[in-house]
């Protein structure tokens, strides 16, 4: 595959080109809705998808869902009025007429979905993380390359304006300068306490289906963001510590994880937890010339140069619309390597998560070259 180097953050840095693109788009006819097959509906993010669904952007042409109880939960949604249900995945990809498959399954099924879709040239969008293991991620990448198929990973934080503005401030000429430290905190009070749906809870705390507990559920955010902010660089080594503070509700998985990533010139700390007092996905980035601390998807504090205190700011970067961006990227057919959704990013992210799991189990730092970077053909 020949990946395109798309830079979404450049849209507000190059207003002349952005204006030209908008003017051209105004004259061009709108593309038809992207034909999408939903693969599985056991993921709690399925509800959010329906809330933001836009029939001018996507058309649902089928649903693969094996579980009758889960299907009944969503079957009356108006968005599914014309979407047939399939219980066989091979039949679904063969008969639905889809251009893309969006997986709201457990994480383990991501590999099976790509195995079914990629040989037909269908793009696949999965909810984070990409896979339950590096071995599964490597096979997904091999299938994508062999069949010239696109695989994207959707993270809530990919659409945060504050994170996009942070990225625009990095580098030798950026307001923050070269990075030296990143801290990312992500999570909530835990899936039991926030009352996620039973179909979601059933697999989310099963490491065989989710990859891990909080380590994979929320540690993936920090790994993905750090990889994006650092231009898809991989760390030299990973050290992780996991805990199970609530064994009654999470008897088989971790519910708190701390991951340290060591690079030759900087350090990253990620805390993914099911024990925060509130939901959070925020970060602090420290460069040689300043620092930026986010509060939420739009708000952050910045201190650079001769400032004597951090300055509160609201992000002014245009907010990308997830469905429109994903539909356009699928139609473009190339991996957007500079985006947090890209396969390029998420292969590094999966190596980090695999190394973190191994580190926590073995009580040692794991060099990333122990986690094979070579994708099998």
Protein backbone atom coordinates (compact mmCIF):
# COMPACT_ATOMS: atom_id res chain seq x y z
CA UNK A 1 0.00 0.00 0.00
CA UNK A 2 1.11 3.55 -0.64
CA UNK A 3 -0.24 5.55 2.33
CA UNK A 4 -1.12 9.19 1.89
CA UNK A 5 0.28 11.66 4.40
CA UNK A 6 -2.83 13.51 5.43
CA UNK A 7 -2.45 16.24 8.04
CA UNK A 8 -5.86 17.21 9.41
CA UNK A 9 -4.36 19.83 11.71
CA UNK A 10 -2.98 21.67 8.69
CA UNK A 11 -6.51 22.76 7.71
CA UNK A 12 -6.40 25.75 10.06
CA UNK A 13 -2.71 26.42 9.55
CA UNK A 14 -3.18 26.89 5.80
CA UNK A 15 -6.36 28.97 5.47
CA UNK A 16 -5.81 29.80 1.79
CA UNK A 17 -5.84 26.15 0.79
CA UNK A 18 -8.72 25.43 3.15
CA UNK A 19 -10.77 28.23 1.58
CA UNK A 20 -10.04 26.91 -1.90
CA UNK A 21 -11.05 23.41 -0.91
CA UNK A 22 -14.31 24.67 0.62
CA UNK A 23 -15.10 26.72 -2.47
CA UNK A 24 -14.45 23.73 -4.72
CA UNK A 25 -16.58 21.46 -2.52
CA UNK A 26 -19.47 23.93 -2.70
CA UNK A 27 -19.55 23.55 -6.50
CA UNK A 28 -19.07 19.77 -6.54
CA UNK A 29 -22.04 17.44 -6.13
CA UNK A 30 -22.25 15.71 -2.76
CA UNK A 31 -21.09 12.11 -2.90
CA UNK A 32 -23.70 9.43 -2.28
CA UNK A 33 -23.90 8.08 1.28
CA UNK A 34 -21.26 5.48 2.11
CA UNK A 35 -22.84 2.02 2.25
CA UNK A 36 -22.00 0.58 5.68
CA UNK A 37 -22.47 -2.84 7.24
CA UNK A 38 -22.53 -2.84 11.04
CA UNK A 39 -20.60 -5.82 12.41
CA UNK A 40 -21.70 -6.65 15.93
CA UNK A 41 -23.56 -4.38 18.35
CA UNK A 42 -22.23 -5.50 21.72
CA UNK A 43 -20.07 -2.39 22.11
CA UNK A 44 -21.43 0.47 24.17
CA UNK A 45 -20.32 2.94 21.50
CA UNK A 46 -23.07 1.65 19.18
CA UNK A 47 -25.54 3.97 20.91
CA UNK A 48 -23.35 6.99 20.20
CA UNK A 49 -23.12 6.00 16.55
CA UNK A 50 -26.91 6.03 16.22
CA UNK A 51 -27.17 9.39 17.99
CA UNK A 52 -24.83 11.06 15.51
CA UNK A 53 -25.93 9.08 12.46
CA UNK A 54 -26.48 11.19 9.33
CA UNK A 55 -28.26 9.50 6.40
CA UNK A 56 -26.70 11.96 3.96
CA UNK A 57 -23.26 10.65 4.93
CA UNK A 58 -23.83 6.93 5.53
CA UNK A 59 -26.45 4.38 4.56
CA UNK A 60 -26.83 1.25 6.68
CA UNK A 61 -27.15 -1.74 4.36
CA UNK A 62 -27.06 -4.52 6.93
CA UNK A 63 -26.21 -5.64 10.44
CA UNK A 64 -24.27 -8.75 11.43
CA UNK A 65 -25.34 -9.70 14.93
CA UNK A 66 -25.51 -13.27 16.25
CA UNK A 67 -27.14 -12.54 19.59
CA UNK A 68 -30.95 -12.25 19.50
CA UNK A 69 -31.08 -10.24 22.74
CA UNK A 70 -28.65 -7.63 21.45
CA UNK A 71 -30.46 -7.45 18.12
CA UNK A 72 -33.82 -6.86 19.84
CA UNK A 73 -32.28 -3.95 21.78
CA UNK A 74 -31.54 -2.07 18.55
CA UNK A 75 -33.90 -3.56 15.95
CA UNK A 76 -36.52 -0.80 16.28
CA UNK A 77 -34.06 2.01 15.66
CA UNK A 78 -35.31 4.02 12.67
CA UNK A 79 -31.81 3.99 11.18
CA UNK A 80 -32.13 0.21 10.79
CA UNK A 81 -35.53 0.23 9.11
CA UNK A 82 -34.10 -0.88 5.75
CA UNK A 83 -31.07 -2.78 7.06
CA UNK A 84 -31.42 -6.58 7.03
CA UNK A 85 -30.00 -8.60 9.88
CA UNK A 86 -27.45 -11.33 9.19
CA UNK A 87 -26.29 -13.96 11.66
CA UNK A 88 -23.52 -15.24 9.38
CA UNK A 89 -20.58 -12.87 8.84
CA UNK A 90 -19.53 -14.28 5.46
CA UNK A 91 -23.08 -13.90 4.15
CA UNK A 92 -23.28 -10.36 5.50
CA UNK A 93 -20.19 -9.13 3.67
CA UNK A 94 -21.15 -11.01 0.49
CA UNK A 95 -24.79 -9.92 0.22
CA UNK A 96 -25.11 -6.52 1.93
CA UNK A 97 -23.54 -4.48 -0.87
CA UNK A 98 -21.44 -2.59 1.70
CA UNK A 99 -18.44 -0.43 0.86
CA UNK A 100 -17.25 -0.47 4.46
CA UNK A 101 -17.78 -2.44 7.66
CA UNK A 102 -18.01 -0.67 11.02
CA UNK A 103 -17.41 -3.04 13.93
CA UNK A 104 -19.22 -2.55 17.24
CA UNK A 105 -18.32 -6.05 18.36
CA UNK A 106 -16.00 -7.16 21.12
CA UNK A 107 -12.34 -6.51 20.33
CA UNK A 108 -11.57 -10.19 19.70
CA UNK A 109 -13.94 -10.23 16.72
CA UNK A 110 -12.03 -7.46 14.94
CA UNK A 111 -9.69 -9.99 13.39
CA UNK A 112 -12.52 -12.23 12.15
CA UNK A 113 -14.26 -9.18 10.65
CA UNK A 114 -11.12 -8.09 8.76
CA UNK A 115 -10.58 -11.69 7.61
CA UNK A 116 -14.06 -11.63 6.09
CA UNK A 117 -14.04 -8.07 4.70
CA UNK A 118 -10.50 -7.46 3.45
CA UNK A 119 -10.47 -10.11 0.69
CA UNK A 120 -13.52 -8.36 -0.79
CA UNK A 121 -11.71 -5.01 -0.72
CA UNK A 122 -13.99 -3.60 1.96
CA UNK A 123 -12.70 -0.97 4.36
CA UNK A 124 -13.10 -1.74 8.07
CA UNK A 125 -13.59 0.70 10.94
CA UNK A 126 -13.18 -0.70 14.46
CA UNK A 127 -13.68 0.83 17.86
CA UNK A 128 -10.50 1.17 19.90
CA UNK A 129 -8.24 -0.67 20.41
CA UNK A 130 -7.36 -2.32 17.11
CA UNK A 131 -6.97 -5.85 18.48
CA UNK A 132 -6.57 -7.98 21.60
CA UNK A 133 -2.89 -8.74 20.89
CA UNK A 134 0.06 -7.86 18.70
CA UNK A 135 -0.35 -11.18 16.87
CA UNK A 136 -3.93 -10.30 15.93
CA UNK A 137 -2.94 -6.74 14.95
CA UNK A 138 -0.11 -8.02 12.76
CA UNK A 139 -2.48 -10.37 10.93
CA UNK A 140 -4.94 -7.52 10.42
CA UNK A 141 -2.15 -5.42 8.91
CA UNK A 142 -1.05 -8.28 6.65
CA UNK A 143 -4.62 -8.73 5.39
CA UNK A 144 -4.99 -5.01 4.77
CA UNK A 145 -1.76 -4.92 2.78
CA UNK A 146 -2.43 -8.09 0.83
CA UNK A 147 -5.92 -7.03 -0.23
CA UNK A 148 -5.34 -3.26 -0.47
CA UNK A 149 -7.99 -2.74 2.18
CA UNK A 150 -8.23 0.15 4.63
CA UNK A 151 -8.46 -0.48 8.40
CA UNK A 152 -9.20 2.48 10.68
CA UNK A 153 -9.49 2.61 14.48
CA UNK A 154 -11.95 5.04 16.04
CA UNK A 155 -11.07 6.82 19.31
CA UNK A 156 -13.22 9.47 20.96
CA UNK A 157 -10.11 11.59 21.47
CA UNK A 158 -9.38 11.73 17.73
CA UNK A 159 -12.06 14.42 17.51
CA UNK A 160 -10.87 16.57 20.44
CA UNK A 161 -10.02 20.08 19.27
CA UNK A 162 -7.74 20.70 22.26
CA UNK A 163 -5.58 17.71 21.29
CA UNK A 164 -5.39 18.86 17.68
CA UNK A 165 -4.25 22.33 18.76
CA UNK A 166 -1.65 20.76 21.03
CA UNK A 167 -0.20 18.88 18.06
CA UNK A 168 0.04 22.10 16.05
CA UNK A 169 2.27 23.56 18.79
CA UNK A 170 4.89 20.80 18.67
CA UNK A 171 8.21 20.58 16.88
CA UNK A 172 11.24 22.85 16.59
CA UNK A 173 9.16 25.85 15.50
CA UNK A 174 6.09 25.20 17.65
CA UNK A 175 5.07 27.14 20.73
CA UNK A 176 5.95 24.21 23.02
CA UNK A 177 9.11 23.20 21.19
CA UNK A 178 10.44 19.64 21.24
CA UNK A 179 8.54 17.48 23.73
CA UNK A 180 10.21 16.11 26.83
CA UNK A 181 7.28 14.76 28.89
CA UNK A 182 3.68 13.68 28.22
CA UNK A 183 1.14 12.63 30.83
CA UNK A 184 -2.22 11.16 29.77
CA UNK A 185 -5.05 10.22 32.13
CA UNK A 186 -8.08 8.33 30.83
CA UNK A 187 -10.98 6.40 32.28
CA UNK A 188 -14.03 6.67 34.51
CA UNK A 189 -15.47 5.13 37.70
CA UNK A 190 -15.61 1.69 36.07
CA UNK A 191 -18.09 -0.09 33.80
CA UNK A 192 -20.01 -1.57 36.74
CA UNK A 193 -20.44 1.73 38.57
CA UNK A 194 -21.45 3.68 35.46
CA UNK A 195 -23.93 0.95 34.54
CA UNK A 196 -22.86 0.01 31.04
CA UNK A 197 -25.18 -2.37 29.21
CA UNK A 198 -24.99 -6.05 30.16
CA UNK A 199 -23.87 -7.07 26.67
CA UNK A 200 -20.98 -4.59 26.93
CA UNK A 201 -19.99 -5.54 30.47
CA UNK A 202 -19.97 -9.24 29.63
CA UNK A 203 -16.98 -8.94 27.32
CA UNK A 204 -15.32 -5.72 28.55
CA UNK A 205 -14.07 -7.42 31.73
CA UNK A 206 -13.07 -10.63 29.91
CA UNK A 207 -9.40 -10.42 28.82
CA UNK A 208 -9.98 -13.13 26.20
CA UNK A 209 -12.45 -10.84 24.42
CA UNK A 210 -11.13 -7.38 25.36
CA UNK A 211 -7.36 -7.93 25.60
CA UNK A 212 -7.31 -6.75 29.20
CA UNK A 213 -9.25 -4.59 31.60
CA UNK A 214 -8.44 -0.90 32.11
CA UNK A 215 -5.01 -1.50 30.56
CA UNK A 216 -6.52 -2.03 27.11
CA UNK A 217 -9.78 -0.10 27.60
CA UNK A 218 -8.13 3.18 28.60
CA UNK A 219 -4.38 2.64 28.37
CA UNK A 220 -4.87 2.56 24.62
CA UNK A 221 -5.84 6.26 24.59
CA UNK A 222 -2.50 7.43 25.95
CA UNK A 223 -0.54 5.07 23.71
CA UNK A 224 -2.46 6.26 20.66
CA UNK A 225 -2.17 9.97 21.49
CA UNK A 226 1.54 9.81 22.31
CA UNK A 227 2.17 7.94 19.06
CA UNK A 228 0.23 10.60 17.14
CA UNK A 229 1.94 13.55 18.81
CA UNK A 230 5.33 11.93 18.19
CA UNK A 231 4.79 11.20 14.51
CA UNK A 232 4.32 7.42 14.89
CA UNK A 233 7.61 6.96 16.71
CA UNK A 234 7.86 3.83 18.84
CA UNK A 235 9.35 3.98 22.34
CA UNK A 236 12.54 2.15 23.22
CA UNK A 237 10.97 0.36 26.19
CA UNK A 238 7.73 0.01 28.11
CA UNK A 239 7.16 -0.57 31.83
CA UNK A 240 3.68 -1.17 33.18
CA UNK A 241 2.05 -1.87 36.52
CA UNK A 242 -1.53 -3.13 36.78
CA UNK A 243 -3.79 -3.60 39.78
CA UNK A 244 -7.16 -5.07 40.67
CA UNK A 245 -8.67 -2.84 43.32
CA UNK A 246 -12.20 -4.21 42.95
CA UNK A 247 -11.89 -7.98 42.67
CA UNK A 248 -15.60 -8.47 43.29
CA UNK A 249 -16.63 -6.62 40.12
CA UNK A 250 -13.53 -7.38 38.06
CA UNK A 251 -12.42 -10.86 39.11
CA UNK A 252 -10.60 -11.76 35.89
CA UNK A 253 -8.95 -8.52 34.73
CA UNK A 254 -7.03 -5.46 35.86
CA UNK A 255 -8.97 -2.30 36.71
CA UNK A 256 -6.07 0.16 36.98
CA UNK A 257 -2.93 0.49 34.86
CA UNK A 258 0.11 2.78 34.76
CA UNK A 259 2.27 2.63 31.63
CA UNK A 260 5.67 4.31 31.24
CA UNK A 261 7.12 4.76 27.75
CA UNK A 262 10.81 5.59 27.42
CA UNK A 263 12.15 7.31 24.30
CA UNK A 264 15.73 8.44 23.67
CA UNK A 265 14.76 12.08 24.22
CA UNK A 266 11.57 12.03 26.31
CA UNK A 267 9.20 10.13 28.60
CA UNK A 268 5.46 9.36 28.53
CA UNK A 269 3.26 8.27 31.45
CA UNK A 270 -0.23 6.90 30.83
CA UNK A 271 -2.77 6.14 33.56
CA UNK A 272 -5.80 4.14 32.44
CA UNK A 273 -8.21 3.41 35.24
CA UNK A 274 -11.70 2.31 36.20
CA UNK A 275 -11.29 4.15 39.50
CA UNK A 276 -11.43 7.83 38.63
CA UNK A 277 -14.13 9.81 40.50
CA UNK A 278 -15.37 11.09 37.13
CA UNK A 279 -14.90 10.41 33.44
CA UNK A 280 -11.74 11.95 32.02
CA UNK A 281 -9.52 11.97 28.96
CA UNK A 282 -6.96 14.72 29.44
CA UNK A 283 -3.26 15.28 28.94
CA UNK A 284 -0.31 17.45 29.88
CA UNK A 285 2.47 18.07 27.34
CA UNK A 286 5.76 19.62 28.42
CA UNK A 287 8.17 20.95 25.82
CA UNK A 288 11.41 22.88 25.99
CA UNK A 289 9.62 26.22 25.63
CA UNK A 290 6.34 25.67 27.43
CA UNK A 291 3.56 23.37 28.51
CA UNK A 292 -0.07 22.72 27.68
CA UNK A 293 -2.61 21.00 29.97
CA UNK A 294 -6.00 20.02 28.60
CA UNK A 295 -9.18 19.98 30.66
CA UNK A 296 -11.62 18.53 28.14
CA UNK A 297 -12.13 18.30 24.40
CA UNK A 298 -11.99 22.09 23.95
CA UNK A 299 -10.42 23.70 27.02
CA UNK A 300 -6.74 23.85 27.91
CA UNK A 301 -4.17 25.98 29.72
CA UNK A 302 -0.99 27.16 28.00
CA UNK A 303 2.18 28.63 29.43
CA UNK A 304 5.07 29.58 27.18
CA UNK A 305 7.88 32.11 26.94
CA UNK A 306 7.66 34.92 29.47
CA UNK A 307 4.19 34.07 30.78
CA UNK A 308 4.18 34.08 34.58
CA UNK A 309 1.11 31.83 34.81
CA UNK A 310 -0.78 29.45 32.54
CA UNK A 311 -3.35 31.11 30.27
CA UNK A 312 -6.80 29.46 29.95
CA UNK A 313 -7.83 28.94 26.34
CA UNK A 314 -10.64 27.48 24.28
CA UNK A 315 -9.66 25.62 21.14
CA UNK A 316 -10.57 27.44 17.94
CA UNK A 317 -9.59 24.65 15.57
CA UNK A 318 -12.53 23.45 13.46
CA UNK A 319 -14.08 20.31 14.91
CA UNK A 320 -13.89 17.43 12.50
CA UNK A 321 -17.17 15.58 11.99
CA UNK A 322 -16.40 11.91 12.67
CA UNK A 323 -18.81 10.33 10.19
CA UNK A 324 -17.93 12.71 7.36
CA UNK A 325 -14.20 12.34 7.93
CA UNK A 326 -14.39 8.55 8.11
CA UNK A 327 -16.59 8.32 5.01
CA UNK A 328 -14.26 10.59 3.03
CA UNK A 329 -11.20 8.65 4.20
CA UNK A 330 -12.76 5.32 3.22
CA UNK A 331 -13.55 6.73 -0.22
CA UNK A 332 -9.97 8.02 -0.55
CA UNK A 333 -8.78 4.46 0.09
CA UNK A 334 -5.39 5.31 1.62
CA UNK A 335 -4.17 4.97 5.18
CA UNK A 336 -4.07 8.50 6.71
CA UNK A 337 -0.71 7.83 8.36
CA UNK A 338 -0.56 11.14 10.25
CA UNK A 339 -3.95 10.60 11.90
CA UNK A 340 -4.65 8.78 15.18
CA UNK A 341 -7.15 6.56 13.31
CA UNK A 342 -4.50 5.23 10.93
CA UNK A 343 -3.25 1.67 10.78
CA UNK A 344 0.30 3.07 10.90
CA UNK A 345 -0.39 4.63 14.29
CA UNK A 346 -2.35 1.74 15.70
CA UNK A 347 0.27 -0.87 14.91
CA UNK A 348 2.66 1.11 17.14
CA UNK A 349 -0.12 1.48 19.71
CA UNK A 350 -0.67 -2.28 19.74
CA UNK A 351 3.05 -2.98 20.19
CA UNK A 352 2.96 -0.66 23.21
CA UNK A 353 -0.09 -2.41 24.70
CA UNK A 354 1.43 -5.85 24.12
CA UNK A 355 4.67 -4.73 25.76
CA UNK A 356 2.72 -3.21 28.66
CA UNK A 357 0.80 -6.42 29.26
CA UNK A 358 4.03 -8.44 29.19
CA UNK A 359 5.78 -5.95 31.50
CA UNK A 360 2.98 -6.08 34.06
CA UNK A 361 2.96 -9.88 34.00
CA UNK A 362 6.74 -10.31 34.22
CA UNK A 363 7.63 -7.34 36.43
CA UNK A 364 10.26 -5.87 34.13
CA UNK A 365 10.82 -3.28 31.43
CA UNK A 366 10.11 -4.68 27.97
CA UNK A 367 12.08 -3.38 25.03
CA UNK A 368 9.81 -2.74 22.11
CA UNK A 369 12.08 -4.66 19.76
CA UNK A 370 10.91 -7.75 21.70
CA UNK A 371 7.46 -7.13 20.20
CA UNK A 372 7.96 -7.88 16.52
CA UNK A 373 7.54 -4.90 14.28
CA UNK A 374 7.62 -7.06 11.16
CA UNK A 375 4.13 -7.71 9.80
CA UNK A 376 3.73 -11.23 8.34
CA UNK A 377 2.84 -11.36 4.67
